[in-house]
Amino acid sequence: MKTLPVGSVYTEPANEPHFAMTANEPVIVMLTGTGPTDTVYENPADDPTRKP
């Protein structure tokens, strides 16, 4: 993990698993990309769309 300063921009390679984490401070994340795209949770129990 690497801490990024305010205003940072970074890229992630296509067709590879991605991981990001926030700590105790509020954060705004903007994601952009070119589809098609999908979100697959490593642990299906973490998928918020499956919560009752």
N, C-alpha and C. Protein backbone atom coordinates (compact mmCIF):
# COMPACT_ATOMS: atom_id res chain seq x y z
N MET A 1 0.84 -1.18 0.00
CA MET A 1 0.00 0.00 0.00
C MET A 1 0.89 1.25 0.00
N LYS A 2 0.38 2.27 -0.66
CA LYS A 2 1.12 3.53 -0.77
C LYS A 2 0.15 4.67 -0.48
N THR A 3 0.54 5.57 0.40
CA THR A 3 -0.28 6.74 0.71
C THR A 3 -0.08 7.78 -0.40
N LEU A 4 -1.20 8.26 -0.94
CA LEU A 4 -1.14 9.26 -2.00
C LEU A 4 -1.54 10.62 -1.44
N PRO A 5 -0.83 11.67 -1.81
CA PRO A 5 -1.19 13.01 -1.33
C PRO A 5 -2.45 13.53 -2.03
N VAL A 6 -3.05 14.55 -1.43
CA VAL A 6 -4.25 15.18 -1.98
C VAL A 6 -4.00 15.58 -3.43
N GLY A 7 -4.98 15.31 -4.30
CA GLY A 7 -4.88 15.67 -5.71
C GLY A 7 -4.14 14.66 -6.56
N SER A 8 -3.80 13.51 -5.99
CA SER A 8 -3.03 12.50 -6.73
C SER A 8 -3.86 11.86 -7.84
N VAL A 9 -3.16 11.39 -8.84
CA VAL A 9 -3.74 10.62 -9.93
C VAL A 9 -2.89 9.38 -10.10
N TYR A 10 -3.54 8.24 -10.29
CA TYR A 10 -2.78 7.02 -10.56
C TYR A 10 -3.57 6.14 -11.51
N THR A 11 -2.91 5.19 -12.11
CA THR A 11 -3.57 4.28 -13.05
C THR A 11 -3.39 2.84 -12.57
N GLU A 12 -4.28 2.00 -13.04
CA GLU A 12 -4.20 0.57 -12.75
C GLU A 12 -4.26 -0.16 -14.09
N PRO A 13 -3.48 -1.21 -14.26
CA PRO A 13 -3.47 -1.91 -15.54
C PRO A 13 -4.77 -2.66 -15.80
N ALA A 14 -5.12 -2.76 -17.05
CA ALA A 14 -6.33 -3.50 -17.44
C ALA A 14 -6.14 -5.00 -17.18
N ASN A 15 -7.24 -5.67 -16.96
CA ASN A 15 -7.28 -7.13 -16.80
C ASN A 15 -6.46 -7.64 -15.63
N GLU A 16 -6.32 -6.82 -14.60
CA GLU A 16 -5.61 -7.22 -13.39
C GLU A 16 -6.49 -6.89 -12.18
N PRO A 17 -6.41 -7.67 -11.11
CA PRO A 17 -7.16 -7.32 -9.90
C PRO A 17 -6.66 -5.98 -9.34
N HIS A 18 -7.58 -5.20 -8.79
CA HIS A 18 -7.26 -3.90 -8.21
C HIS A 18 -7.68 -3.88 -6.75
N PHE A 19 -6.97 -3.12 -5.94
CA PHE A 19 -7.30 -2.99 -4.53
C PHE A 19 -6.99 -1.57 -4.10
N ALA A 20 -7.88 -0.99 -3.33
CA ALA A 20 -7.65 0.34 -2.76
C ALA A 20 -8.20 0.33 -1.34
N MET A 21 -7.65 1.19 -0.50
CA MET A 21 -8.07 1.22 0.89
C MET A 21 -8.03 2.65 1.40
N THR A 22 -8.98 3.00 2.25
CA THR A 22 -8.95 4.29 2.93
C THR A 22 -8.78 4.03 4.42
N ALA A 23 -8.35 5.06 5.14
CA ALA A 23 -8.14 4.91 6.58
C ALA A 23 -9.22 5.66 7.34
N ASN A 24 -8.83 6.37 8.36
CA ASN A 24 -9.80 7.04 9.24
C ASN A 24 -10.22 8.43 8.77
N GLU A 25 -9.57 8.96 7.76
CA GLU A 25 -9.92 10.30 7.28
C GLU A 25 -10.92 10.21 6.13
N PRO A 26 -11.85 11.19 6.03
CA PRO A 26 -12.77 11.21 4.89
C PRO A 26 -11.99 11.32 3.59
N VAL A 27 -12.54 10.72 2.54
CA VAL A 27 -11.87 10.75 1.24
C VAL A 27 -12.90 10.79 0.13
N ILE A 28 -12.58 11.47 -0.95
CA ILE A 28 -13.41 11.46 -2.16
C ILE A 28 -12.58 10.80 -3.25
N VAL A 29 -13.15 9.80 -3.88
CA VAL A 29 -12.46 9.07 -4.95
C VAL A 29 -13.27 9.23 -6.23
N MET A 30 -12.60 9.60 -7.31
CA MET A 30 -13.26 9.68 -8.61
C MET A 30 -12.64 8.62 -9.51
N LEU A 31 -13.49 7.74 -10.02
CA LEU A 31 -13.04 6.69 -10.92
C LEU A 31 -13.49 7.02 -12.33
N THR A 32 -12.61 6.87 -13.28
CA THR A 32 -12.99 7.02 -14.68
C THR A 32 -12.39 5.85 -15.45
N GLY A 33 -13.00 5.53 -16.54
CA GLY A 33 -12.48 4.44 -17.34
C GLY A 33 -13.27 4.25 -18.61
N THR A 34 -12.82 3.31 -19.39
CA THR A 34 -13.48 2.94 -20.63
C THR A 34 -13.95 1.50 -20.49
N GLY A 35 -15.22 1.26 -20.74
CA GLY A 35 -15.82 -0.06 -20.54
C GLY A 35 -15.53 -1.00 -21.68
N PRO A 36 -16.00 -2.21 -21.57
CA PRO A 36 -16.87 -2.66 -20.48
C PRO A 36 -16.08 -2.83 -19.19
N THR A 37 -16.80 -2.73 -18.08
CA THR A 37 -16.17 -2.85 -16.78
C THR A 37 -17.05 -3.70 -15.87
N ASP A 38 -16.49 -4.20 -14.80
CA ASP A 38 -17.22 -5.05 -13.88
C ASP A 38 -16.55 -4.95 -12.51
N THR A 39 -17.30 -5.23 -11.48
CA THR A 39 -16.75 -5.32 -10.13
C THR A 39 -17.00 -6.73 -9.62
N VAL A 40 -15.94 -7.42 -9.29
CA VAL A 40 -16.03 -8.78 -8.77
C VAL A 40 -15.35 -8.77 -7.40
N TYR A 41 -16.10 -9.09 -6.36
CA TYR A 41 -15.54 -9.11 -5.01
C TYR A 41 -14.83 -10.42 -4.76
N GLU A 42 -13.61 -10.33 -4.25
CA GLU A 42 -12.85 -11.53 -3.89
C GLU A 42 -13.64 -12.36 -2.89
N ASN A 43 -14.26 -11.68 -1.93
CA ASN A 43 -15.13 -12.33 -0.96
C ASN A 43 -16.55 -11.86 -1.26
N PRO A 44 -17.41 -12.73 -1.80
CA PRO A 44 -18.77 -12.31 -2.17
C PRO A 44 -19.55 -11.69 -1.02
N ALA A 45 -19.21 -12.01 0.22
CA ALA A 45 -19.90 -11.43 1.37
C ALA A 45 -19.63 -9.93 1.50
N ASP A 46 -18.58 -9.43 0.86
CA ASP A 46 -18.26 -7.99 0.90
C ASP A 46 -19.06 -7.19 -0.12
N ASP A 47 -19.78 -7.84 -1.01
CA ASP A 47 -20.54 -7.16 -2.06
C ASP A 47 -21.75 -6.48 -1.44
N PRO A 48 -21.79 -5.13 -1.42
CA PRO A 48 -22.92 -4.44 -0.77
C PRO A 48 -24.25 -4.66 -1.48
N THR A 49 -24.26 -5.07 -2.73
CA THR A 49 -25.52 -5.32 -3.42
C THR A 49 -26.17 -6.61 -2.97
N ARG A 50 -25.46 -7.44 -2.25
CA ARG A 50 -26.01 -8.71 -1.75
C ARG A 50 -26.46 -8.62 -0.31
N LYS A 51 -26.33 -7.44 0.30
CA LYS A 51 -26.74 -7.26 1.70
C LYS A 51 -28.26 -7.15 1.77
N PRO A 52 -28.85 -7.74 2.80
CA PRO A 52 -30.33 -7.65 2.94
C PRO A 52 -30.80 -6.26 3.27
